[in-house]
Amino acid sequence: MGVQLKQFYTELIPAEKMVIRAYNYYEADMAKSMDVKKMSAFMIRGVSAAFMDIAYGDKPYPDGLGKFTCEQTKGIEVGDSYGEFVVTKA
């Protein structure tokens, strides 16, 4: 199983910030099927932060990892109409 963003919007400020709004992601479906009522899109957070690390890290992979972090600020799994993921420098 992989990350499936069927509908999404992205805002990017190169090397500084990325915002992803996902309107359909499998982690929300999994949370719903298991009756989980908290933000739980850990894979999208990890992949998003890693993307920024690889694209804008100060050292080549894998030494440049950990320079960015991703916070989930909205989630379908908690009743929002979309999931929002904000990646910034760690």
PDB file of N, CA and C in Angstrom:
ATOM      1  N   MET A   1       0.850  -1.172   0.000  1.00  0.00           N
ATOM      2  CA  MET A   1       0.000   0.000   0.000  1.00  0.00           C
ATOM      3  C   MET A   1       0.897   1.237   0.000  1.00  0.00           C
ATOM      4  N   GLY A   2       0.531   2.251  -0.747  1.00  0.00           N
ATOM      5  CA  GLY A   2       1.331   3.462  -0.810  1.00  0.00           C
ATOM      6  C   GLY A   2       0.494   4.686  -0.542  1.00  0.00           C
ATOM      7  N   VAL A   3       1.120   5.829  -0.658  1.00  0.00           N
ATOM      8  CA  VAL A   3       0.401   7.080  -0.461  1.00  0.00           C
ATOM      9  C   VAL A   3      -0.436   7.346  -1.698  1.00  0.00           C
ATOM     10  N   GLN A   4      -1.715   7.543  -1.519  1.00  0.00           N
ATOM     11  CA  GLN A   4      -2.596   7.839  -2.631  1.00  0.00           C
ATOM     12  C   GLN A   4      -3.294   9.165  -2.372  1.00  0.00           C
ATOM     13  N   LEU A   5      -2.848  10.180  -3.066  1.00  0.00           N
ATOM     14  CA  LEU A   5      -3.501  11.488  -2.997  1.00  0.00           C
ATOM     15  C   LEU A   5      -4.284  11.645  -4.283  1.00  0.00           C
ATOM     16  N   LYS A   6      -5.547  11.317  -4.238  1.00  0.00           N
ATOM     17  CA  LYS A   6      -6.357  11.357  -5.451  1.00  0.00           C
ATOM     18  C   LYS A   6      -6.704  12.775  -5.854  1.00  0.00           C
ATOM     19  N   GLN A   7      -6.883  13.643  -4.882  1.00  0.00           N
ATOM     20  CA  GLN A   7      -7.168  15.045  -5.145  1.00  0.00           C
ATOM     21  C   GLN A   7      -6.333  15.854  -4.164  1.00  0.00           C
ATOM     22  N   PHE A   8      -5.539  16.782  -4.680  1.00  0.00           N
ATOM     23  CA  PHE A   8      -4.713  17.567  -3.772  1.00  0.00           C
ATOM     24  C   PHE A   8      -4.357  18.926  -4.361  1.00  0.00           C
ATOM     25  N   TYR A   9      -3.898  19.801  -3.484  1.00  0.00           N
ATOM     26  CA  TYR A   9      -3.450  21.147  -3.829  1.00  0.00           C
ATOM     27  C   TYR A   9      -2.114  21.341  -3.121  1.00  0.00           C
ATOM     28  N   THR A  10      -1.163  21.948  -3.793  1.00  0.00           N
ATOM     29  CA  THR A  10       0.151  22.164  -3.190  1.00  0.00           C
ATOM     30  C   THR A  10       0.574  23.612  -3.356  1.00  0.00           C
ATOM     31  N   GLU A  11       1.137  24.155  -2.297  1.00  0.00           N
ATOM     32  CA  GLU A  11       1.747  25.488  -2.317  1.00  0.00           C
ATOM     33  C   GLU A  11       3.206  25.294  -1.929  1.00  0.00           C
ATOM     34  N   LEU A  12       4.126  25.888  -2.674  1.00  0.00           N
ATOM     35  CA  LEU A  12       5.547  25.681  -2.412  1.00  0.00           C
ATOM     36  C   LEU A  12       6.297  27.002  -2.404  1.00  0.00           C
ATOM     37  N   ILE A  13       7.060  27.210  -1.351  1.00  0.00           N
ATOM     38  CA  ILE A  13       8.060  28.274  -1.302  1.00  0.00           C
ATOM     39  C   ILE A  13       9.385  27.521  -1.260  1.00  0.00           C
ATOM     40  N   PRO A  14      10.101  27.452  -2.399  1.00  0.00           N
ATOM     41  CA  PRO A  14      11.284  26.601  -2.481  1.00  0.00           C
ATOM     42  C   PRO A  14      12.257  26.789  -1.315  1.00  0.00           C
ATOM     43  N   ALA A  15      12.688  25.657  -0.781  1.00  0.00           N
ATOM     44  CA  ALA A  15      13.668  25.577   0.306  1.00  0.00           C
ATOM     45  C   ALA A  15      13.173  26.123   1.638  1.00  0.00           C
ATOM     46  N   GLU A  16      11.875  26.500   1.724  1.00  0.00           N
ATOM     47  CA  GLU A  16      11.369  27.056   2.977  1.00  0.00           C
ATOM     48  C   GLU A  16      10.099  26.386   3.481  1.00  0.00           C
ATOM     49  N   LYS A  17       9.092  26.241   2.617  1.00  0.00           N
ATOM     50  CA  LYS A  17       7.793  25.777   3.091  1.00  0.00           C
ATOM     51  C   LYS A  17       7.012  25.112   1.962  1.00  0.00           C
ATOM     52  N   MET A  18       6.280  24.061   2.335  1.00  0.00           N
ATOM     53  CA  MET A  18       5.365  23.431   1.402  1.00  0.00           C
ATOM     54  C   MET A  18       4.068  23.130   2.157  1.00  0.00           C
ATOM     55  N   VAL A  19       2.941  23.436   1.534  1.00  0.00           N
ATOM     56  CA  VAL A  19       1.637  23.143   2.116  1.00  0.00           C
ATOM     57  C   VAL A  19       0.908  22.217   1.149  1.00  0.00           C
ATOM     58  N   ILE A  20       0.433  21.097   1.660  1.00  0.00           N
ATOM     59  CA  ILE A  20      -0.332  20.148   0.854  1.00  0.00           C
ATOM     60  C   ILE A  20      -1.728  20.068   1.441  1.00  0.00           C
ATOM     61  N   ARG A  21      -2.716  20.192   0.593  1.00  0.00           N
ATOM     62  CA  ARG A  21      -4.110  19.967   0.990  1.00  0.00           C
ATOM     63  C   ARG A  21      -4.590  18.738   0.222  1.00  0.00           C
ATOM     64  N   ALA A  22      -4.892  17.691   0.952  1.00  0.00           N
ATOM     65  CA  ALA A  22      -5.324  16.434   0.346  1.00  0.00           C
ATOM     66  C   ALA A  22      -6.801  16.223   0.643  1.00  0.00           C
ATOM     67  N   TYR A  23      -7.564  16.001  -0.395  1.00  0.00           N
ATOM     68  CA  TYR A  23      -9.011  15.854  -0.262  1.00  0.00           C
ATOM     69  C   TYR A  23      -9.447  14.397  -0.214  1.00  0.00           C
ATOM     70  N   ASN A  24      -8.497  13.496  -0.375  1.00  0.00           N
ATOM     71  CA  ASN A  24      -8.786  12.069  -0.325  1.00  0.00           C
ATOM     72  C   ASN A  24      -7.465  11.339  -0.113  1.00  0.00           C
ATOM     73  N   TYR A  25      -7.274  10.728   1.038  1.00  0.00           N
ATOM     74  CA  TYR A  25      -6.057   9.959   1.297  1.00  0.00           C
ATOM     75  C   TYR A  25      -6.415   8.732   2.132  1.00  0.00           C
ATOM     76  N   TYR A  26      -5.687   7.658   1.855  1.00  0.00           N
ATOM     77  CA  TYR A  26      -6.087   6.379   2.428  1.00  0.00           C
ATOM     78  C   TYR A  26      -5.985   6.336   3.949  1.00  0.00           C
ATOM     79  N   GLU A  27      -5.103   7.110   4.547  1.00  0.00           N
ATOM     80  CA  GLU A  27      -4.989   7.094   6.009  1.00  0.00           C
ATOM     81  C   GLU A  27      -6.276   7.589   6.677  1.00  0.00           C
ATOM     82  N   ALA A  28      -6.974   8.507   6.028  1.00  0.00           N
ATOM     83  CA  ALA A  28      -8.272   8.951   6.552  1.00  0.00           C
ATOM     84  C   ALA A  28      -9.290   7.827   6.433  1.00  0.00           C
ATOM     85  N   ASP A  29      -9.235   7.089   5.318  1.00  0.00           N
ATOM     86  CA  ASP A  29     -10.133   5.947   5.148  1.00  0.00           C
ATOM     87  C   ASP A  29      -9.854   4.878   6.203  1.00  0.00           C
ATOM     88  N   MET A  30      -8.586   4.628   6.475  1.00  0.00           N
ATOM     89  CA  MET A  30      -8.215   3.629   7.488  1.00  0.00           C
ATOM     90  C   MET A  30      -8.694   4.072   8.866  1.00  0.00           C
ATOM     91  N   ALA A  31      -8.488   5.349   9.194  1.00  0.00           N
ATOM     92  CA  ALA A  31      -8.919   5.862  10.497  1.00  0.00           C
ATOM     93  C   ALA A  31     -10.434   5.734  10.644  1.00  0.00           C
ATOM     94  N   LYS A  32     -11.155   6.040   9.579  1.00  0.00           N
ATOM     95  CA  LYS A  32     -12.615   5.944   9.619  1.00  0.00           C
ATOM     96  C   LYS A  32     -13.069   4.502   9.831  1.00  0.00           C
ATOM     97  N   SER A  33     -12.426   3.582   9.126  1.00  0.00           N
ATOM     98  CA  SER A  33     -12.825   2.177   9.247  1.00  0.00           C
ATOM     99  C   SER A  33     -12.504   1.608  10.629  1.00  0.00           C
ATOM    100  N   MET A  34     -11.538   2.222  11.320  1.00  0.00           N
ATOM    101  CA  MET A  34     -11.150   1.749  12.655  1.00  0.00           C
ATOM    102  C   MET A  34     -11.695   2.650  13.758  1.00  0.00           C
ATOM    103  N   ASP A  35     -12.552   3.601  13.380  1.00  0.00           N
ATOM    104  CA  ASP A  35     -13.182   4.537  14.311  1.00  0.00           C
ATOM    105  C   ASP A  35     -12.156   5.341  15.128  1.00  0.00           C
ATOM    106  N   VAL A  36     -11.085   5.753  14.467  1.00  0.00           N
ATOM    107  CA  VAL A  36     -10.058   6.597  15.095  1.00  0.00           C
ATOM    108  C   VAL A  36     -10.442   8.049  14.854  1.00  0.00           C
ATOM    109  N   LYS A  37     -10.468   8.860  15.888  1.00  0.00           N
ATOM    110  CA  LYS A  37     -10.916  10.251  15.786  1.00  0.00           C
ATOM    111  C   LYS A  37      -9.776  11.228  16.057  1.00  0.00           C
ATOM    112  N   LYS A  38      -8.579  10.901  15.595  1.00  0.00           N
ATOM    113  CA  LYS A  38      -7.459  11.833  15.737  1.00  0.00           C
ATOM    114  C   LYS A  38      -6.673  11.864  14.435  1.00  0.00           C
ATOM    115  N   MET A  39      -5.922  12.926  14.229  1.00  0.00           N
ATOM    116  CA  MET A  39      -5.138  13.060  13.013  1.00  0.00           C
ATOM    117  C   MET A  39      -4.106  11.945  12.984  1.00  0.00           C
ATOM    118  N   SER A  40      -4.071  11.230  11.867  1.00  0.00           N
ATOM    119  CA  SER A  40      -3.227  10.040  11.830  1.00  0.00           C
ATOM    120  C   SER A  40      -2.570   9.792  10.472  1.00  0.00           C
ATOM    121  N   ALA A  41      -2.310  10.832   9.719  1.00  0.00           N
ATOM    122  CA  ALA A  41      -1.705  10.681   8.390  1.00  0.00           C
ATOM    123  C   ALA A  41      -0.177  10.721   8.495  1.00  0.00           C
ATOM    124  N   PHE A  42       0.378   9.733   9.166  1.00  0.00           N
ATOM    125  CA  PHE A  42       1.814   9.700   9.424  1.00  0.00           C
ATOM    126  C   PHE A  42       2.639   9.498   8.158  1.00  0.00           C
ATOM    127  N   MET A  43       2.144   8.692   7.216  1.00  0.00           N
ATOM    128  CA  MET A  43       2.914   8.453   5.999  1.00  0.00           C
ATOM    129  C   MET A  43       3.008   9.718   5.153  1.00  0.00           C
ATOM    130  N   ILE A  44       1.911  10.420   4.983  1.00  0.00           N
ATOM    131  CA  ILE A  44       1.949  11.663   4.197  1.00  0.00           C
ATOM    132  C   ILE A  44       2.904  12.657   4.860  1.00  0.00           C
ATOM    133  N   ARG A  45       2.880  12.742   6.175  1.00  0.00           N
ATOM    134  CA  ARG A  45       3.795  13.651   6.877  1.00  0.00           C
ATOM    135  C   ARG A  45       5.243  13.262   6.614  1.00  0.00           C
ATOM    136  N   GLY A  46       5.553  11.987   6.728  1.00  0.00           N
ATOM    137  CA  GLY A  46       6.928  11.537   6.523  1.00  0.00           C
ATOM    138  C   GLY A  46       7.411  11.723   5.101  1.00  0.00           C
ATOM    139  N   VAL A  47       6.572  11.367   4.146  1.00  0.00           N
ATOM    140  CA  VAL A  47       6.942  11.501   2.732  1.00  0.00           C
ATOM    141  C   VAL A  47       7.108  12.972   2.362  1.00  0.00           C
ATOM    142  N   SER A  48       6.238  13.829   2.872  1.00  0.00           N
ATOM    143  CA  SER A  48       6.317  15.261   2.557  1.00  0.00           C
ATOM    144  C   SER A  48       7.594  15.881   3.100  1.00  0.00           C
ATOM    145  N   ALA A  49       7.927  15.563   4.349  1.00  0.00           N
ATOM    146  CA  ALA A  49       9.169  16.087   4.940  1.00  0.00           C
ATOM    147  C   ALA A  49      10.388  15.542   4.194  1.00  0.00           C
ATOM    148  N   ALA A  50      10.361  14.253   3.857  1.00  0.00           N
ATOM    149  CA  ALA A  50      11.488  13.648   3.139  1.00  0.00           C
ATOM    150  C   ALA A  50      11.661  14.264   1.753  1.00  0.00           C
ATOM    151  N   PHE A  51      10.557  14.579   1.075  1.00  0.00           N
ATOM    152  CA  PHE A  51      10.648  15.233  -0.229  1.00  0.00           C
ATOM    153  C   PHE A  51      11.413  16.545  -0.116  1.00  0.00           C
ATOM    154  N   MET A  52      11.054  17.353   0.883  1.00  0.00           N
ATOM    155  CA  MET A  52      11.742  18.640   1.055  1.00  0.00           C
ATOM    156  C   MET A  52      13.207  18.426   1.441  1.00  0.00           C
ATOM    157  N   ASP A  53      13.479  17.419   2.266  1.00  0.00           N
ATOM    158  CA  ASP A  53      14.861  17.105   2.629  1.00  0.00           C
ATOM    159  C   ASP A  53      15.691  16.750   1.403  1.00  0.00           C
ATOM    160  N   ILE A  54      15.136  15.899   0.545  1.00  0.00           N
ATOM    161  CA  ILE A  54      15.868  15.472  -0.650  1.00  0.00           C
ATOM    162  C   ILE A  54      16.032  16.623  -1.635  1.00  0.00           C
ATOM    163  N   ALA A  55      14.987  17.419  -1.798  1.00  0.00           N
ATOM    164  CA  ALA A  55      15.052  18.525  -2.761  1.00  0.00           C
ATOM    165  C   ALA A  55      15.880  19.699  -2.270  1.00  0.00           C
ATOM    166  N   TYR A  56      15.812  19.984  -0.959  1.00  0.00           N
ATOM    167  CA  TYR A  56      16.419  21.220  -0.456  1.00  0.00           C
ATOM    168  C   TYR A  56      17.351  21.028   0.737  1.00  0.00           C
ATOM    169  N   GLY A  57      17.651  19.797   1.112  1.00  0.00           N
ATOM    170  CA  GLY A  57      18.566  19.559   2.235  1.00  0.00           C
ATOM    171  C   GLY A  57      19.955  20.107   1.940  1.00  0.00           C
ATOM    172  N   ASP A  58      20.693  20.393   2.983  1.00  0.00           N
ATOM    173  CA  ASP A  58      22.012  20.995   2.781  1.00  0.00           C
ATOM    174  C   ASP A  58      23.087  19.975   2.416  1.00  0.00           C
ATOM    175  N   LYS A  59      22.777  18.674   2.527  1.00  0.00           N
ATOM    176  CA  LYS A  59      23.711  17.616   2.148  1.00  0.00           C
ATOM    177  C   LYS A  59      22.971  16.585   1.314  1.00  0.00           C
ATOM    178  N   PRO A  60      23.705  15.832   0.497  1.00  0.00           N
ATOM    179  CA  PRO A  60      23.049  14.790  -0.303  1.00  0.00           C
ATOM    180  C   PRO A  60      22.431  13.706   0.590  1.00  0.00           C
ATOM    181  N   TYR A  61      21.418  13.031   0.049  1.00  0.00           N
ATOM    182  CA  TYR A  61      20.779  11.902   0.731  1.00  0.00           C
ATOM    183  C   TYR A  61      21.821  10.844   1.048  1.00  0.00           C
ATOM    184  N   PRO A  62      21.812  10.206   2.196  1.00  0.00           N
ATOM    185  CA  PRO A  62      20.866  10.330   3.297  1.00  0.00           C
ATOM    186  C   PRO A  62      21.294  11.329   4.373  1.00  0.00           C
ATOM    187  N   ASP A  63      22.450  11.957   4.199  1.00  0.00           N
ATOM    188  CA  ASP A  63      22.961  12.857   5.235  1.00  0.00           C
ATOM    189  C   ASP A  63      22.153  14.139   5.396  1.00  0.00           C
ATOM    190  N   GLY A  64      21.385  14.518   4.385  1.00  0.00           N
ATOM    191  CA  GLY A  64      20.609  15.755   4.453  1.00  0.00           C
ATOM    192  C   GLY A  64      19.227  15.593   5.046  1.00  0.00           C
ATOM    193  N   LEU A  65      18.887  14.383   5.487  1.00  0.00           N
ATOM    194  CA  LEU A  65      17.553  14.155   6.043  1.00  0.00           C
ATOM    195  C   LEU A  65      17.409  14.775   7.431  1.00  0.00           C
ATOM    196  N   GLY A  66      16.176  15.118   7.787  1.00  0.00           N
ATOM    197  CA  GLY A  66      15.902  15.676   9.114  1.00  0.00           C
ATOM    198  C   GLY A  66      15.964  17.185   9.182  1.00  0.00           C
ATOM    199  N   LYS A  67      16.121  17.840   8.050  1.00  0.00           N
ATOM    200  CA  LYS A  67      16.187  19.306   8.030  1.00  0.00           C
ATOM    201  C   LYS A  67      14.800  19.934   7.960  1.00  0.00           C
ATOM    202  N   PHE A  68      13.803  19.133   7.557  1.00  0.00           N
ATOM    203  CA  PHE A  68      12.427  19.616   7.460  1.00  0.00           C
ATOM    204  C   PHE A  68      11.515  18.738   8.307  1.00  0.00           C
ATOM    205  N   THR A  69      10.422  19.310   8.753  1.00  0.00           N
ATOM    206  CA  THR A  69       9.420  18.578   9.513  1.00  0.00           C
ATOM    207  C   THR A  69       8.047  18.898   8.940  1.00  0.00           C
ATOM    208  N   CYS A  70       7.113  17.990   9.129  1.00  0.00           N
ATOM    209  CA  CYS A  70       5.761  18.181   8.608  1.00  0.00           C
ATOM    210  C   CYS A  70       4.756  18.054   9.741  1.00  0.00           C
ATOM    211  N   GLU A  71       3.844  19.007   9.805  1.00  0.00           N
ATOM    212  CA  GLU A  71       2.781  19.002  10.807  1.00  0.00           C
ATOM    213  C   GLU A  71       1.441  18.892  10.088  1.00  0.00           C
ATOM    214  N   GLN A  72       0.594  18.009  10.580  1.00  0.00           N
ATOM    215  CA  GLN A  72      -0.764  17.902  10.053  1.00  0.00           C
ATOM    216  C   GLN A  72      -1.622  18.893  10.818  1.00  0.00           C
ATOM    217  N   THR A  73      -2.188  19.871  10.096  1.00  0.00           N
ATOM    218  CA  THR A  73      -2.977  20.915  10.747  1.00  0.00           C
ATOM    219  C   THR A  73      -4.482  20.730  10.595  1.00  0.00           C
ATOM    220  N   LYS A  74      -4.897  19.909   9.625  1.00  0.00           N
ATOM    221  CA  LYS A  74      -6.308  19.570   9.431  1.00  0.00           C
ATOM    222  C   LYS A  74      -6.371  18.116   9.002  1.00  0.00           C
ATOM    223  N   GLY A  75      -7.530  17.480   9.256  1.00  0.00           N
ATOM    224  CA  GLY A  75      -7.640  16.076   8.874  1.00  0.00           C
ATOM    225  C   GLY A  75      -9.066  15.647   8.599  1.00  0.00           C
ATOM    226  N   ILE A  76      -9.233  14.922   7.522  1.00  0.00           N
ATOM    227  CA  ILE A  76     -10.535  14.345   7.199  1.00  0.00           C
ATOM    228  C   ILE A  76     -10.973  13.431   8.333  1.00  0.00           C
ATOM    229  N   GLU A  77     -10.008  12.746   8.948  1.00  0.00           N
ATOM    230  CA  GLU A  77     -10.308  11.793  10.000  1.00  0.00           C
ATOM    231  C   GLU A  77     -10.853  12.434  11.272  1.00  0.00           C
ATOM    232  N   VAL A  78     -10.745  13.764  11.390  1.00  0.00           N
ATOM    233  CA  VAL A  78     -11.318  14.474  12.547  1.00  0.00           C
ATOM    234  C   VAL A  78     -12.477  15.389  12.134  1.00  0.00           C
ATOM    235  N   GLY A  79     -12.958  15.216  10.906  1.00  0.00           N
ATOM    236  CA  GLY A  79     -14.132  15.960  10.467  1.00  0.00           C
ATOM    237  C   GLY A  79     -13.882  17.138   9.553  1.00  0.00           C
ATOM    238  N   ASP A  80     -12.628  17.462   9.264  1.00  0.00           N
ATOM    239  CA  ASP A  80     -12.338  18.546   8.321  1.00  0.00           C
ATOM    240  C   ASP A  80     -12.641  18.074   6.899  1.00  0.00           C
ATOM    241  N   SER A  81     -12.841  19.003   5.990  1.00  0.00           N
ATOM    242  CA  SER A  81     -13.157  18.640   4.607  1.00  0.00           C
ATOM    243  C   SER A  81     -11.921  18.212   3.819  1.00  0.00           C
ATOM    244  N   TYR A  82     -10.732  18.435   4.362  1.00  0.00           N
ATOM    245  CA  TYR A  82      -9.487  18.009   3.728  1.00  0.00           C
ATOM    246  C   TYR A  82      -8.409  17.882   4.800  1.00  0.00           C
ATOM    247  N   GLY A  83      -7.340  17.197   4.432  1.00  0.00           N
ATOM    248  CA  GLY A  83      -6.168  17.133   5.307  1.00  0.00           C
ATOM    249  C   GLY A  83      -5.186  18.196   4.858  1.00  0.00           C
ATOM    250  N   GLU A  84      -4.588  18.887   5.811  1.00  0.00           N
ATOM    251  CA  GLU A  84      -3.589  19.905   5.459  1.00  0.00           C
ATOM    252  C   GLU A  84      -2.291  19.550   6.151  1.00  0.00           C
ATOM    253  N   PHE A  85      -1.206  19.606   5.380  1.00  0.00           N
ATOM    254  CA  PHE A  85       0.110  19.210   5.857  1.00  0.00           C
ATOM    255  C   PHE A  85       1.087  20.332   5.541  1.00  0.00           C
ATOM    256  N   VAL A  86       1.727  20.860   6.563  1.00  0.00           N
ATOM    257  CA  VAL A  86       2.615  22.014   6.413  1.00  0.00           C
ATOM    258  C   VAL A  86       4.048  21.564   6.724  1.00  0.00           C
ATOM    259  N   VAL A  87       4.918  21.683   5.719  1.00  0.00           N
ATOM    260  CA  VAL A  87       6.320  21.307   5.856  1.00  0.00           C
ATOM    261  C   VAL A  87       7.142  22.573   6.003  1.00  0.00           C
ATOM    262  N   THR A  88       7.949  22.618   7.061  1.00  0.00           N
ATOM    263  CA  THR A  88       8.837  23.758   7.301  1.00  0.00           C
ATOM    264  C   THR A  88      10.197  23.247   7.764  1.00  0.00           C
ATOM    265  N   LYS A  89      11.154  24.139   7.819  1.00  0.00           N
ATOM    266  CA  LYS A  89      12.476  23.755   8.316  1.00  0.00           C
ATOM    267  C   LYS A  89      12.365  23.341   9.768  1.00  0.00           C
ATOM    268  N   ALA A  90      13.090  22.291  10.101  1.00  0.00           N
ATOM    269  CA  ALA A  90      13.055  21.745  11.472  1.00  0.00           C
ATOM    270  C   ALA A  90      13.775  22.673  12.436  1.00  0.00           C
TER     271      ALA A  90
END
